[in-house]
N, C-alpha and C. Protein backbone atom coordinates (compact mmCIF):
# COMPACT_ATOMS: atom_id res chain seq x y z
N UNK A 1 0.67 -1.32 0.09
CA UNK A 1 -0.29 -0.25 -0.05
C UNK A 1 0.80 1.12 0.28
N UNK A 2 2.23 0.98 0.33
CA UNK A 2 2.90 2.53 0.57
C UNK A 2 3.02 2.73 -1.22
N UNK A 3 3.54 1.79 -1.97
CA UNK A 3 3.98 2.66 -3.38
C UNK A 3 2.44 3.37 -4.14
N UNK A 4 1.55 2.54 -3.95
CA UNK A 4 0.16 2.87 -4.24
C UNK A 4 -0.25 4.57 -3.90
N UNK A 5 0.20 4.05 -2.62
CA UNK A 5 0.05 6.10 -1.66
C UNK A 5 1.20 6.89 -2.33
N UNK A 6 1.86 6.36 -2.56
CA UNK A 6 3.32 7.34 -3.15
C UNK A 6 3.06 7.70 -4.02
N UNK A 7 2.50 7.46 -5.23
CA UNK A 7 2.44 7.26 -6.61
C UNK A 7 1.10 8.32 -6.44
N UNK A 8 0.43 7.95 -5.47
CA UNK A 8 -0.75 9.15 -5.71
C UNK A 8 -0.78 10.33 -5.33
N UNK A 9 0.33 10.33 -4.60
CA UNK A 9 0.70 11.54 -3.96
C UNK A 9 1.94 12.64 -4.88
N UNK A 10 2.36 11.63 -5.61
CA UNK A 10 3.21 11.97 -6.67
C UNK A 10 2.44 12.87 -7.59
N UNK A 11 1.61 11.69 -8.23
CA UNK A 11 0.34 12.29 -9.18
C UNK A 11 -0.24 13.72 -8.86
N UNK A 12 -0.66 13.93 -7.40
CA UNK A 12 -1.28 15.19 -6.69
C UNK A 12 -0.36 16.38 -6.89
N UNK A 13 0.86 15.59 -6.34
CA UNK A 13 1.83 17.09 -6.46
C UNK A 13 1.55 17.69 -7.87
N UNK A 14 2.41 16.81 -8.85
CA UNK A 14 2.30 17.41 -10.36
C UNK A 14 1.09 18.03 -10.54
N UNK A 15 -0.45 17.67 -10.69
CA UNK A 15 -1.32 18.30 -10.91
C UNK A 15 -1.09 19.79 -9.98
N UNK A 16 -1.28 19.67 -8.59
CA UNK A 16 -1.32 20.74 -8.20
C UNK A 16 -0.25 21.75 -8.59
N UNK A 17 1.04 21.25 -9.22
CA UNK A 17 2.07 22.15 -9.47
C UNK A 17 1.83 22.16 -11.17
N UNK A 18 0.78 21.78 -11.50
CA UNK A 18 0.70 21.91 -13.17
C UNK A 18 1.61 21.79 -14.08
N UNK A 19 1.83 20.09 -13.10
CA UNK A 19 3.16 19.85 -14.36
C UNK A 19 2.28 18.48 -15.00
N UNK A 20 2.34 18.18 -15.98
CA UNK A 20 1.25 17.43 -16.91
C UNK A 20 0.06 17.58 -16.61
N UNK A 21 -0.88 18.41 -15.90
CA UNK A 21 -2.01 18.36 -14.85
C UNK A 21 -2.67 18.21 -15.74
N UNK A 22 -3.52 18.48 -17.04
CA UNK A 22 -4.52 18.20 -17.99
C UNK A 22 -4.58 16.62 -18.18
N UNK A 23 -3.03 16.47 -18.56
CA UNK A 23 -2.95 15.08 -18.93
C UNK A 23 -3.15 13.77 -17.83
N UNK A 24 -2.54 14.15 -16.57
CA UNK A 24 -2.56 13.46 -15.53
C UNK A 24 -4.32 13.24 -15.00
N UNK A 25 -4.89 14.45 -15.14
CA UNK A 25 -6.33 14.49 -14.75
C UNK A 25 -7.28 13.53 -15.58
N UNK A 26 -6.88 13.27 -16.95
CA UNK A 26 -7.38 12.49 -17.93
C UNK A 26 -7.01 10.83 -18.39
N UNK A 27 -5.71 10.64 -17.69
CA UNK A 27 -5.43 9.53 -17.37
C UNK A 27 -5.09 8.92 -16.22
N UNK A 28 -5.70 9.56 -15.24
CA UNK A 28 -4.78 9.22 -13.58
C UNK A 28 -4.88 7.75 -13.57
N UNK A 29 -5.71 7.24 -13.85
CA UNK A 29 -5.99 5.31 -13.55
C UNK A 29 -4.94 4.57 -14.19
N UNK A 30 -4.42 4.90 -15.55
CA UNK A 30 -3.35 4.38 -16.42
C UNK A 30 -2.13 4.61 -15.63
N UNK A 31 -1.98 5.84 -15.32
CA UNK A 31 -0.53 6.62 -15.13
C UNK A 31 -0.29 5.92 -13.37
N UNK A 32 -0.89 5.70 -12.85
CA UNK A 32 -1.05 4.98 -11.45
C UNK A 32 -1.10 3.37 -11.66
N UNK A 33 -1.38 2.70 -12.78
CA UNK A 33 -0.95 1.60 -12.79
C UNK A 33 0.48 1.10 -13.67
N UNK A 34 0.57 1.80 -14.71
CA UNK A 34 2.11 1.83 -15.05
C UNK A 34 2.92 1.99 -14.24
N UNK A 35 2.91 3.26 -13.30
CA UNK A 35 3.72 3.12 -12.19
C UNK A 35 4.01 2.28 -11.66
N UNK A 36 3.06 1.65 -10.98
CA UNK A 36 2.84 0.37 -10.19
C UNK A 36 3.61 -0.70 -10.17
N UNK A 37 3.25 -0.78 -11.93
CA UNK A 37 3.88 -1.99 -12.70
C UNK A 37 5.62 -1.86 -12.82
N UNK A 38 5.73 -0.32 -13.23
CA UNK A 38 7.19 0.11 -13.34
C UNK A 38 8.17 -0.19 -12.05
N UNK A 39 7.47 -0.28 -11.40
CA UNK A 39 8.38 0.14 -9.80
C UNK A 39 8.22 -1.71 -9.10
N UNK A 40 7.20 -2.20 -9.36
CA UNK A 40 6.82 -3.64 -9.09
C UNK A 40 8.35 -4.20 -9.97
N UNK A 41 8.22 -4.03 -11.23
CA UNK A 41 9.21 -5.12 -12.10
C UNK A 41 10.73 -4.20 -11.63
N UNK A 42 10.95 -2.95 -11.53
CA UNK A 42 12.31 -2.83 -11.18
C UNK A 42 12.66 -3.45 -9.59
N UNK A 43 11.36 -3.08 -9.18
CA UNK A 43 12.31 -4.15 -7.41
C UNK A 43 11.99 -5.89 -7.82
N UNK A 44 11.63 -6.35 -8.60
CA UNK A 44 12.08 -7.44 -8.99
C UNK A 44 12.73 -7.35 -9.46
N UNK A 45 13.15 -7.19 -10.60
CA UNK A 45 15.03 -6.93 -11.11
C UNK A 45 15.76 -6.40 -9.83
N UNK A 46 15.44 -5.84 -8.98
CA UNK A 46 16.60 -5.58 -7.98
C UNK A 46 16.79 -7.25 -6.89
N UNK A 47 15.61 -7.47 -7.02
CA UNK A 47 15.34 -8.89 -5.82
C UNK A 47 16.29 -10.02 -6.61
N UNK A 48 15.99 -10.39 -7.94
CA UNK A 48 16.48 -11.31 -9.02
C UNK A 48 18.57 -10.98 -8.88
N UNK A 49 19.10 -9.56 -8.88
CA UNK A 49 20.14 -9.45 -9.13
C UNK A 49 20.79 -9.39 -7.71
N UNK A 50 20.00 -9.52 -6.38
CA UNK A 50 20.17 -9.79 -5.30
C UNK A 50 20.48 -11.45 -4.91
N UNK A 51 19.91 -11.81 -5.52
CA UNK A 51 19.85 -13.50 -5.41
C UNK A 51 20.94 -13.91 -6.39
N UNK A 52 20.55 -13.59 -7.63
CA UNK A 52 22.17 -13.96 -8.40
C UNK A 52 23.21 -14.05 -7.79
N UNK A 53 23.49 -12.19 -7.47
CA UNK A 53 24.70 -12.23 -6.80
C UNK A 53 25.06 -13.10 -5.50
N UNK A 54 24.12 -13.60 -4.48
CA UNK A 54 24.27 -14.12 -3.31
C UNK A 54 24.75 -15.57 -3.60
N UNK A 55 23.91 -16.25 -4.75
CA UNK A 55 24.19 -17.18 -5.63
C UNK A 55 25.60 -17.32 -6.01
N UNK A 56 25.93 -16.41 -6.55
CA UNK A 56 27.60 -16.00 -6.87
C UNK A 56 28.37 -15.93 -6.12
N UNK A 57 27.99 -15.63 -4.66
CA UNK A 57 29.17 -15.60 -3.32
C UNK A 57 29.13 -16.72 -2.91
N UNK A 58 28.04 -17.31 -2.95
CA UNK A 58 28.23 -18.94 -2.69
C UNK A 58 28.77 -19.90 -3.21
N UNK A 59 28.39 -19.82 -4.52
CA UNK A 59 29.91 -20.48 -5.76
C UNK A 59 30.93 -20.30 -5.42
N UNK A 60 30.96 -19.13 -5.34
CA UNK A 60 32.39 -18.32 -4.76
C UNK A 60 33.07 -19.19 -3.68
N UNK A 61 32.20 -19.02 -2.59
CA UNK A 61 32.92 -20.02 -1.25
C UNK A 61 33.27 -21.14 -1.27
N UNK A 62 31.96 -22.01 -2.26
CA UNK A 62 32.20 -23.42 -2.32
C UNK A 62 33.71 -23.62 -3.36
N UNK A 63 33.86 -22.66 -4.14
CA UNK A 63 35.02 -22.89 -4.98
C UNK A 63 36.19 -22.92 -4.49
N UNK A 64 36.46 -22.04 -3.34
CA UNK A 64 37.27 -21.36 -2.45
C UNK A 64 37.99 -22.48 -1.75
N UNK A 65 36.49 -23.21 -1.13
CA UNK A 65 36.87 -24.07 -0.36
C UNK A 65 37.38 -25.32 -0.92
N UNK A 66 37.35 -25.61 -1.98
CA UNK A 66 37.73 -27.07 -2.76
C UNK A 66 39.29 -26.55 -2.81
N UNK A 67 39.37 -25.25 -3.41
CA UNK A 67 40.39 -25.45 -4.23
C UNK A 67 41.49 -25.13 -2.82
N UNK A 68 41.02 -24.52 -1.51
CA UNK A 68 42.18 -24.61 0.16
C UNK A 68 41.79 -26.34 0.02
N UNK A 69 41.11 -27.46 0.20
CA UNK A 69 41.06 -28.39 0.26
C UNK A 69 42.34 -28.94 -0.61
N UNK A 70 42.34 -29.02 -1.89
CA UNK A 70 43.29 -29.39 -2.76
C UNK A 70 44.67 -28.76 -2.32
N UNK A 71 44.82 -27.64 -2.29
CA UNK A 71 46.13 -27.11 -1.84
C UNK A 71 46.50 -27.87 -0.47
N UNK A 72 45.63 -27.36 -0.22
CA UNK A 72 46.23 -28.36 1.49
C UNK A 72 46.57 -29.99 1.49
N UNK A 73 45.93 -30.86 0.78
CA UNK A 73 46.15 -32.05 0.66
C UNK A 73 47.56 -32.22 0.03
N UNK A 74 47.39 -31.31 -1.08
CA UNK A 74 48.82 -31.35 -2.01
C UNK A 74 50.51 -31.04 -0.97
N UNK A 75 49.86 -29.87 -0.28
CA UNK A 75 50.77 -29.41 1.04
C UNK A 75 51.46 -30.81 1.78
N UNK A 76 50.28 -30.96 2.28
CA UNK A 76 50.51 -32.17 3.09
C UNK A 76 51.44 -33.65 2.43
N UNK A 77 50.95 -33.68 1.02
CA UNK A 77 52.14 -34.83 0.45
C UNK A 77 53.19 -34.36 0.27
N UNK A 78 53.67 -33.13 0.09
CA UNK A 78 54.80 -32.63 -0.20
C UNK A 78 55.68 -32.70 1.27
N UNK A 79 54.77 -32.32 2.63
CA UNK A 79 55.56 -32.16 3.84
C UNK A 79 55.56 -34.07 4.40
N UNK A 80 54.53 -34.43 4.22
CA UNK A 80 54.95 -36.18 3.99
C UNK A 80 56.31 -36.44 3.31
N UNK A 81 56.19 -36.42 1.98
CA UNK A 81 57.60 -36.69 0.95
C UNK A 81 58.79 -35.88 2.17
N UNK A 82 58.58 -35.11 2.02
CA UNK A 82 60.01 -34.20 2.49
C UNK A 82 59.99 -35.07 4.29
N UNK A 83 59.31 -35.39 4.90
CA UNK A 83 59.50 -36.24 6.39
C UNK A 83 60.10 -37.78 6.23
N UNK A 84 59.63 -38.34 4.89
CA UNK A 84 59.89 -39.31 4.71
C UNK A 84 61.78 -39.51 4.44
N UNK A 85 62.20 -38.42 3.55
CA UNK A 85 63.29 -38.20 3.32
C UNK A 85 63.91 -37.84 4.29
N UNK A 86 63.47 -37.17 5.04
CA UNK A 86 64.57 -36.85 6.24
C UNK A 86 64.41 -38.01 7.09
N UNK A 87 63.46 -38.69 7.34
CA UNK A 87 63.88 -39.67 8.20
C UNK A 87 64.63 -41.21 7.70
N UNK A 88 64.57 -40.87 5.91
CA UNK A 88 64.95 -41.94 5.41
C UNK A 88 66.91 -41.67 5.56
N UNK A 89 67.09 -40.42 5.47
CA UNK A 89 68.27 -39.67 5.60
C UNK A 89 69.20 -40.17 6.97
N UNK A 90 68.17 -39.96 7.90
CA UNK A 90 68.44 -39.95 9.69
C UNK A 90 68.78 -41.39 9.82
N UNK A 91 67.93 -42.30 9.43
CA UNK A 91 68.17 -43.66 9.30
C UNK A 91 69.25 -43.99 8.81
N UNK A 92 69.79 -43.40 7.45
CA UNK A 92 71.17 -43.83 6.57
C UNK A 92 72.38 -43.05 7.56
N UNK A 93 72.42 -42.41 8.19
CA UNK A 93 73.05 -41.51 9.17
C UNK A 93 73.72 -42.44 10.06
N UNK A 94 72.42 -42.89 10.61
CA UNK A 94 72.66 -43.70 12.25
C UNK A 94 72.99 -45.18 11.91
N UNK A 95 72.58 -45.67 10.58
CA UNK A 95 73.50 -47.04 9.82
C UNK A 95 74.95 -47.06 10.23
N UNK A 96 75.34 -45.18 9.11
CA UNK A 96 76.30 -45.14 8.76
C UNK A 96 77.22 -45.06 10.16
N UNK A 97 77.10 -44.60 11.05
CA UNK A 97 77.60 -44.17 12.49
C UNK A 97 78.00 -46.01 13.17
N UNK A 98 76.69 -46.98 13.27
CA UNK A 98 76.94 -48.05 13.67
C UNK A 98 78.08 -49.40 12.99
N UNK A 99 77.85 -48.82 11.72
CA UNK A 99 79.04 -49.43 10.73
C UNK A 99 80.37 -49.28 10.84
N UNK A 100 80.39 -47.65 11.19
CA UNK A 100 82.09 -47.19 11.39
C UNK A 100 82.28 -47.82 12.85
N UNK A 101 81.75 -47.85 14.14
CA UNK A 101 81.75 -48.74 15.34
C UNK A 101 81.77 -50.20 15.17
N UNK A 102 81.40 -50.64 14.23
CA UNK A 102 81.53 -52.10 13.96
C UNK A 102 80.27 -52.31 15.30
N UNK A 103 79.17 -51.99 15.03
CA UNK A 103 78.01 -52.30 15.99
C UNK A 103 76.94 -52.94 14.91
N UNK A 104 76.52 -53.86 15.29
CA UNK A 104 75.22 -54.60 14.23
C UNK A 104 74.09 -54.65 15.05
N UNK A 105 72.58 -54.73 14.60
CA UNK A 105 71.90 -54.48 15.29
C UNK A 105 71.04 -56.12 14.71
N UNK A 106 70.59 -56.54 16.12
CA UNK A 106 69.91 -58.03 15.14
C UNK A 106 68.86 -57.35 14.71
N UNK A 107 67.84 -58.41 13.57
CA UNK A 107 67.55 -58.11 12.64
C UNK A 107 66.02 -59.20 13.06
N UNK A 108 64.89 -58.95 13.22
CA UNK A 108 64.12 -60.19 13.55
C UNK A 108 63.45 -60.54 12.14
N UNK A 109 63.44 -62.60 12.13
CA UNK A 109 63.40 -63.17 11.23
C UNK A 109 62.03 -63.45 11.18
N UNK A 110 61.42 -63.86 10.36
CA UNK A 110 59.97 -64.33 10.23
C UNK A 110 59.68 -65.54 9.38
């Protein structure tokens, strides 16, 4: 109801100020309907644009999460590989120290 009242008041003010007064008096109902439809259509466009924007934001968040997870998995793989190489190097270092000191470690037999 607020929109319709605002349209009526705008038309009344135009008539009072002699802005298209004759036309508005003759076609008041049509002008009210067209203005109401125009504002309703504009509002619908605004709502649609807002919904599409929000959907885009949500899609962007989802893509960001996917990219972040992929990067995290890749980084963990790299970190695990680096740690494996460090562990292997440390084992080799300890084996060399034991061998240099003629120390042997018994191994399990299965």
